[in-house]
């Protein structure tokens, strides 16, 4: 999939910062957008997650 030049540039920068491939970043961005607009449920953190707030 090819986007407008400004989106492509932003995607390149985001991929570098996130250390992700282009495909993984696009999947992540789409998933987060779908969750934020209620099209996908937001998954709760697992009990064993490192970011569970304990510590």
PDB file of N, CA and C in Angstrom:
ATOM      1  N   UNK A   1       0.848  -1.159   0.000  1.00  0.00           N
ATOM      2  CA  UNK A   1       0.000   0.000   0.000  1.00  0.00           C
ATOM      3  C   UNK A   1       0.900   1.231   0.000  1.00  0.00           C
ATOM      4  N   UNK A   2       0.567   2.173  -0.838  1.00  0.00           N
ATOM      5  CA  UNK A   2       1.345   3.396  -0.957  1.00  0.00           C
ATOM      6  C   UNK A   2       0.469   4.565  -0.512  1.00  0.00           C
ATOM      7  N   UNK A   3       1.040   5.441   0.325  1.00  0.00           N
ATOM      8  CA  UNK A   3       0.332   6.588   0.858  1.00  0.00           C
ATOM      9  C   UNK A   3       0.873   7.874   0.235  1.00  0.00           C
ATOM     10  N   UNK A   4       0.218   8.990   0.543  1.00  0.00           N
ATOM     11  CA  UNK A   4       0.729  10.293   0.116  1.00  0.00           C
ATOM     12  C   UNK A   4       2.123  10.497   0.688  1.00  0.00           C
ATOM     13  N   UNK A   5       2.892  11.370   0.054  1.00  0.00           N
ATOM     14  CA  UNK A   5       4.287  11.582   0.446  1.00  0.00           C
ATOM     15  C   UNK A   5       4.446  11.958   1.916  1.00  0.00           C
ATOM     16  N   UNK A   6       3.569  12.824   2.434  1.00  0.00           N
ATOM     17  CA  UNK A   6       3.701  13.235   3.832  1.00  0.00           C
ATOM     18  C   UNK A   6       3.447  12.081   4.793  1.00  0.00           C
ATOM     19  N   UNK A   7       2.502  11.222   4.444  1.00  0.00           N
ATOM     20  CA  UNK A   7       2.213  10.060   5.285  1.00  0.00           C
ATOM     21  C   UNK A   7       3.362   9.051   5.202  1.00  0.00           C
ATOM     22  N   UNK A   8       3.900   8.853   4.022  1.00  0.00           N
ATOM     23  CA  UNK A   8       5.037   7.946   3.858  1.00  0.00           C
ATOM     24  C   UNK A   8       6.230   8.407   4.697  1.00  0.00           C
ATOM     25  N   UNK A   9       6.505   9.707   4.679  1.00  0.00           N
ATOM     26  CA  UNK A   9       7.613  10.242   5.462  1.00  0.00           C
ATOM     27  C   UNK A   9       7.363  10.041   6.958  1.00  0.00           C
ATOM     28  N   UNK A  10       6.161  10.342   7.408  1.00  0.00           N
ATOM     29  CA  UNK A  10       5.821  10.143   8.818  1.00  0.00           C
ATOM     30  C   UNK A  10       5.941   8.676   9.204  1.00  0.00           C
ATOM     31  N   UNK A  11       5.558   7.797   8.311  1.00  0.00           N
ATOM     32  CA  UNK A  11       5.648   6.361   8.565  1.00  0.00           C
ATOM     33  C   UNK A  11       7.101   5.917   8.680  1.00  0.00           C
ATOM     34  N   UNK A  12       7.967   6.430   7.836  1.00  0.00           N
ATOM     35  CA  UNK A  12       9.395   6.105   7.903  1.00  0.00           C
ATOM     36  C   UNK A  12       9.970   6.543   9.252  1.00  0.00           C
ATOM     37  N   UNK A  13       9.643   7.764   9.659  1.00  0.00           N
ATOM     38  CA  UNK A  13      10.155   8.289  10.935  1.00  0.00           C
ATOM     39  C   UNK A  13       9.630   7.457  12.100  1.00  0.00           C
ATOM     40  N   UNK A  14       8.346   7.139  12.098  1.00  0.00           N
ATOM     41  CA  UNK A  14       7.755   6.348  13.172  1.00  0.00           C
ATOM     42  C   UNK A  14       8.378   4.957  13.241  1.00  0.00           C
ATOM     43  N   UNK A  15       8.609   4.338  12.098  1.00  0.00           N
ATOM     44  CA  UNK A  15       9.216   3.003  12.062  1.00  0.00           C
ATOM     45  C   UNK A  15      10.621   3.031  12.656  1.00  0.00           C
ATOM     46  N   UNK A  16      11.363   4.073  12.349  1.00  0.00           N
ATOM     47  CA  UNK A  16      12.711   4.193  12.906  1.00  0.00           C
ATOM     48  C   UNK A  16      12.656   4.363  14.414  1.00  0.00           C
ATOM     49  N   UNK A  17      11.782   5.226  14.892  1.00  0.00           N
ATOM     50  CA  UNK A  17      11.679   5.479  16.332  1.00  0.00           C
ATOM     51  C   UNK A  17      11.170   4.264  17.092  1.00  0.00           C
ATOM     52  N   UNK A  18      10.204   3.561  16.508  1.00  0.00           N
ATOM     53  CA  UNK A  18       9.612   2.400  17.171  1.00  0.00           C
ATOM     54  C   UNK A  18      10.399   1.111  16.926  1.00  0.00           C
ATOM     55  N   UNK A  19      11.385   1.201  16.041  1.00  0.00           N
ATOM     56  CA  UNK A  19      12.182   0.030  15.650  1.00  0.00           C
ATOM     57  C   UNK A  19      11.281  -1.115  15.198  1.00  0.00           C
ATOM     58  N   UNK A  20      10.389  -0.781  14.256  1.00  0.00           N
ATOM     59  CA  UNK A  20       9.431  -1.732  13.692  1.00  0.00           C
ATOM     60  C   UNK A  20       9.549  -1.717  12.183  1.00  0.00           C
ATOM     61  N   UNK A  21       9.126  -2.814  11.588  1.00  0.00           N
ATOM     62  CA  UNK A  21       9.017  -2.827  10.135  1.00  0.00           C
ATOM     63  C   UNK A  21       7.803  -1.994   9.739  1.00  0.00           C
ATOM     64  N   UNK A  22       7.769  -1.614   8.498  1.00  0.00           N
ATOM     65  CA  UNK A  22       6.651  -0.821   7.976  1.00  0.00           C
ATOM     66  C   UNK A  22       5.328  -1.568   8.164  1.00  0.00           C
ATOM     67  N   UNK A  23       5.318  -2.859   7.820  1.00  0.00           N
ATOM     68  CA  UNK A  23       4.088  -3.648   7.943  1.00  0.00           C
ATOM     69  C   UNK A  23       3.612  -3.747   9.386  1.00  0.00           C
ATOM     70  N   UNK A  24       4.530  -3.986  10.313  1.00  0.00           N
ATOM     71  CA  UNK A  24       4.145  -4.092  11.730  1.00  0.00           C
ATOM     72  C   UNK A  24       3.608  -2.765  12.242  1.00  0.00           C
ATOM     73  N   UNK A  25       4.236  -1.666  11.845  1.00  0.00           N
ATOM     74  CA  UNK A  25       3.784  -0.349  12.292  1.00  0.00           C
ATOM     75  C   UNK A  25       2.384  -0.057  11.753  1.00  0.00           C
ATOM     76  N   UNK A  26       2.142  -0.339  10.491  1.00  0.00           N
ATOM     77  CA  UNK A  26       0.818  -0.095   9.906  1.00  0.00           C
ATOM     78  C   UNK A  26      -0.229  -0.929  10.631  1.00  0.00           C
ATOM     79  N   UNK A  27       0.074  -2.203  10.910  1.00  0.00           N
ATOM     80  CA  UNK A  27      -0.874  -3.051  11.650  1.00  0.00           C
ATOM     81  C   UNK A  27      -1.146  -2.472  13.033  1.00  0.00           C
ATOM     82  N   UNK A  28      -0.099  -2.012  13.718  1.00  0.00           N
ATOM     83  CA  UNK A  28      -0.259  -1.425  15.047  1.00  0.00           C
ATOM     84  C   UNK A  28      -1.128  -0.178  14.988  1.00  0.00           C
ATOM     85  N   UNK A  29      -0.837   0.717  14.040  1.00  0.00           N
ATOM     86  CA  UNK A  29      -1.594   1.963  13.937  1.00  0.00           C
ATOM     87  C   UNK A  29      -3.065   1.701  13.620  1.00  0.00           C
ATOM     88  N   UNK A  30      -3.332   0.771  12.733  1.00  0.00           N
ATOM     89  CA  UNK A  30      -4.726   0.451  12.389  1.00  0.00           C
ATOM     90  C   UNK A  30      -5.439  -0.155  13.587  1.00  0.00           C
ATOM     91  N   UNK A  31      -4.768  -1.082  14.281  1.00  0.00           N
ATOM     92  CA  UNK A  31      -5.369  -1.716  15.462  1.00  0.00           C
ATOM     93  C   UNK A  31      -5.695  -0.659  16.525  1.00  0.00           C
ATOM     94  N   UNK A  32      -4.750   0.245  16.797  1.00  0.00           N
ATOM     95  CA  UNK A  32      -4.991   1.272  17.810  1.00  0.00           C
ATOM     96  C   UNK A  32      -6.118   2.211  17.399  1.00  0.00           C
ATOM     97  N   UNK A  33      -6.195   2.557  16.130  1.00  0.00           N
ATOM     98  CA  UNK A  33      -7.265   3.418  15.654  1.00  0.00           C
ATOM     99  C   UNK A  33      -8.607   2.711  15.813  1.00  0.00           C
ATOM    100  N   UNK A  34      -8.672   1.455  15.401  1.00  0.00           N
ATOM    101  CA  UNK A  34      -9.922   0.694  15.514  1.00  0.00           C
ATOM    102  C   UNK A  34     -10.349   0.552  16.973  1.00  0.00           C
ATOM    103  N   UNK A  35      -9.390   0.353  17.876  1.00  0.00           N
ATOM    104  CA  UNK A  35      -9.723   0.258  19.298  1.00  0.00           C
ATOM    105  C   UNK A  35     -10.206   1.602  19.832  1.00  0.00           C
ATOM    106  N   UNK A  36      -9.545   2.678  19.452  1.00  0.00           N
ATOM    107  CA  UNK A  36      -9.912   3.986  19.985  1.00  0.00           C
ATOM    108  C   UNK A  36     -11.298   4.432  19.523  1.00  0.00           C
ATOM    109  N   UNK A  37     -11.762   3.939  18.382  1.00  0.00           N
ATOM    110  CA  UNK A  37     -13.094   4.287  17.895  1.00  0.00           C
ATOM    111  C   UNK A  37     -14.133   3.202  18.164  1.00  0.00           C
ATOM    112  N   UNK A  38     -13.753   2.198  18.967  1.00  0.00           N
ATOM    113  CA  UNK A  38     -14.720   1.202  19.411  1.00  0.00           C
ATOM    114  C   UNK A  38     -14.997   0.073  18.437  1.00  0.00           C
ATOM    115  N   UNK A  39     -14.231  -0.026  17.380  1.00  0.00           N
ATOM    116  CA  UNK A  39     -14.452  -1.104  16.420  1.00  0.00           C
ATOM    117  C   UNK A  39     -13.816  -2.417  16.870  1.00  0.00           C
ATOM    118  N   UNK A  40     -12.834  -2.315  17.741  1.00  0.00           N
ATOM    119  CA  UNK A  40     -12.198  -3.490  18.354  1.00  0.00           C
ATOM    120  C   UNK A  40     -12.181  -3.272  19.857  1.00  0.00           C
ATOM    121  N   UNK A  41     -12.365  -4.349  20.626  1.00  0.00           N
ATOM    122  CA  UNK A  41     -12.277  -4.188  22.078  1.00  0.00           C
ATOM    123  C   UNK A  41     -10.835  -3.907  22.498  1.00  0.00           C
ATOM    124  N   UNK A  42     -10.695  -3.162  23.583  1.00  0.00           N
ATOM    125  CA  UNK A  42      -9.368  -2.892  24.138  1.00  0.00           C
ATOM    126  C   UNK A  42      -9.043  -4.025  25.089  1.00  0.00           C
ATOM    127  N   UNK A  43      -7.921  -4.691  24.839  1.00  0.00           N
ATOM    128  CA  UNK A  43      -7.531  -5.819  25.671  1.00  0.00           C
ATOM    129  C   UNK A  43      -6.950  -5.320  26.985  1.00  0.00           C
ATOM    130  N   UNK A  44      -7.390  -5.941  28.098  1.00  0.00           N
ATOM    131  CA  UNK A  44      -6.810  -5.626  29.401  1.00  0.00           C
ATOM    132  C   UNK A  44      -5.436  -6.237  29.495  1.00  0.00           C
ATOM    133  N   UNK A  45      -4.596  -5.669  30.359  1.00  0.00           N
ATOM    134  CA  UNK A  45      -3.264  -6.228  30.580  1.00  0.00           C
ATOM    135  C   UNK A  45      -3.376  -7.568  31.293  1.00  0.00           C
ATOM    136  N   UNK A  46      -2.522  -8.497  30.923  1.00  0.00           N
ATOM    137  CA  UNK A  46      -2.480  -9.783  31.600  1.00  0.00           C
ATOM    138  C   UNK A  46      -1.965  -9.589  33.015  1.00  0.00           C
ATOM    139  N   UNK A  47      -2.332 -10.505  33.922  1.00  0.00           N
ATOM    140  CA  UNK A  47      -1.869 -10.408  35.299  1.00  0.00           C
ATOM    141  C   UNK A  47      -0.358 -10.477  35.390  1.00  0.00           C
ATOM    142  N   UNK A  48       0.289 -11.199  34.504  1.00  0.00           N
ATOM    143  CA  UNK A  48       1.726 -11.361  34.542  1.00  0.00           C
ATOM    144  C   UNK A  48       2.474 -10.299  33.783  1.00  0.00           C
ATOM    145  N   UNK A  49       1.787  -9.290  33.313  1.00  0.00           N
ATOM    146  CA  UNK A  49       2.425  -8.241  32.526  1.00  0.00           C
ATOM    147  C   UNK A  49       3.411  -7.442  33.367  1.00  0.00           C
ATOM    148  N   UNK A  50       4.489  -7.009  32.734  1.00  0.00           N
ATOM    149  CA  UNK A  50       5.483  -6.196  33.419  1.00  0.00           C
ATOM    150  C   UNK A  50       4.943  -4.801  33.724  1.00  0.00           C
ATOM    151  N   UNK A  51       3.875  -4.394  33.068  1.00  0.00           N
ATOM    152  CA  UNK A  51       3.334  -3.061  33.266  1.00  0.00           C
ATOM    153  C   UNK A  51       2.008  -3.109  34.030  1.00  0.00           C
ATOM    154  N   UNK A  52       1.904  -4.042  34.966  1.00  0.00           N
ATOM    155  CA  UNK A  52       0.656  -4.207  35.683  1.00  0.00           C
ATOM    156  C   UNK A  52       0.482  -3.227  36.842  1.00  0.00           C
ATOM    157  N   UNK A  53       1.419  -2.320  37.025  1.00  0.00           N
ATOM    158  CA  UNK A  53       1.287  -1.300  38.036  1.00  0.00           C
ATOM    159  C   UNK A  53       1.904  -1.669  39.371  1.00  0.00           C
ATOM    160  N   UNK A  54       2.403  -2.871  39.508  1.00  0.00           N
ATOM    161  CA  UNK A  54       3.030  -3.248  40.772  1.00  0.00           C
ATOM    162  C   UNK A  54       4.476  -2.822  40.778  1.00  0.00           C
ATOM    163  N   UNK A  55       5.052  -2.715  41.950  1.00  0.00           N
ATOM    164  CA  UNK A  55       6.479  -2.460  41.993  1.00  0.00           C
ATOM    165  C   UNK A  55       6.809  -1.291  42.749  1.00  0.00           C
TER     166      UNK A  55
END
